[in-house]
Amino acid sequence: MDLDDLLPQKRPSGTAIGEQLETLSVGELEKRINDLEAEIARVRSELDRKKRHEAAAHALFKS
């Protein structure tokens, strides 16, 4: 038996998509929602930045 088998399993930090929700408390669920909303905002910001960059490149090379 490995030492790893004897140690308690560590939960990954952050929010995992598809994770079981039934075992989470109200506070944990609220934190999860906040984390996901912050991640959505971060992804949207990056998407907007890439779209602006793409539009600028298209305008430059369209001539």
Protein backbone atom coordinates (compact mmCIF):
# COMPACT_ATOMS: atom_id res chain seq x y z
CA MET A 1 0.00 0.00 0.00
CA ASP A 2 1.30 3.46 -0.93
CA LEU A 3 1.53 6.32 1.54
CA ASP A 4 -0.73 8.26 -0.86
CA ASP A 5 -3.47 5.71 -0.23
CA LEU A 6 -3.37 6.46 3.50
CA LEU A 7 -3.47 10.26 3.22
CA PRO A 8 -6.85 12.00 2.89
CA GLN A 9 -7.70 13.04 -0.64
CA LYS A 10 -7.23 16.76 -1.23
CA ARG A 11 -10.06 18.58 -2.93
CA PRO A 12 -8.87 20.55 -5.93
CA SER A 13 -8.91 24.28 -5.35
CA GLY A 14 -11.30 26.30 -7.43
CA THR A 15 -14.56 25.34 -9.02
CA ALA A 16 -14.86 22.23 -11.13
CA ILE A 17 -17.58 21.99 -13.75
CA GLY A 18 -19.84 19.00 -13.14
CA GLU A 19 -18.88 18.66 -9.47
CA GLN A 20 -21.44 17.10 -7.11
CA LEU A 21 -23.48 19.93 -5.58
CA GLU A 22 -25.51 17.98 -3.04
CA THR A 23 -22.69 17.90 -0.50
CA LEU A 24 -22.00 21.66 -0.62
CA SER A 25 -23.37 24.08 1.97
CA VAL A 26 -25.33 27.23 1.16
CA GLY A 27 -22.18 29.30 1.70
CA GLU A 28 -20.15 27.04 -0.57
CA LEU A 29 -22.82 27.23 -3.27
CA GLU A 30 -22.90 31.03 -3.05
CA LYS A 31 -19.11 31.16 -3.30
CA ARG A 32 -19.26 28.83 -6.28
CA ILE A 33 -21.72 31.15 -8.04
CA ASN A 34 -19.49 34.15 -7.34
CA ASP A 35 -16.43 32.29 -8.62
CA LEU A 36 -18.23 31.24 -11.79
CA GLU A 37 -19.57 34.76 -12.42
CA ALA A 38 -16.06 36.17 -12.00
CA GLU A 39 -14.71 33.58 -14.44
CA ILE A 40 -17.44 34.41 -16.97
CA ALA A 41 -16.50 38.10 -16.73
CA ARG A 42 -12.82 37.23 -17.20
CA VAL A 43 -13.55 35.08 -20.26
CA ARG A 44 -15.83 37.73 -21.78
CA SER A 45 -13.13 40.36 -21.29
CA GLU A 46 -10.57 38.19 -23.09
CA LEU A 47 -13.06 37.42 -25.86
CA ASP A 48 -13.73 41.16 -26.37
CA ARG A 49 -9.98 41.84 -26.45
CA LYS A 50 -9.45 39.15 -29.09
CA LYS A 51 -12.37 40.39 -31.19
CA ARG A 52 -10.95 43.94 -31.14
CA HIS A 53 -7.53 42.61 -32.15
CA GLU A 54 -9.09 40.55 -34.94
CA ALA A 55 -11.07 43.55 -36.21
CA ALA A 56 -7.94 45.72 -36.19
CA ALA A 57 -5.98 43.11 -38.14
CA HIS A 58 -8.84 42.72 -40.61
CA ALA A 59 -9.02 46.50 -41.12
CA LEU A 60 -5.24 46.68 -41.64
CA PHE A 61 -5.07 43.92 -44.23
CA LYS A 62 -8.43 44.51 -45.93
CA SER A 63 -7.15 47.17 -48.33
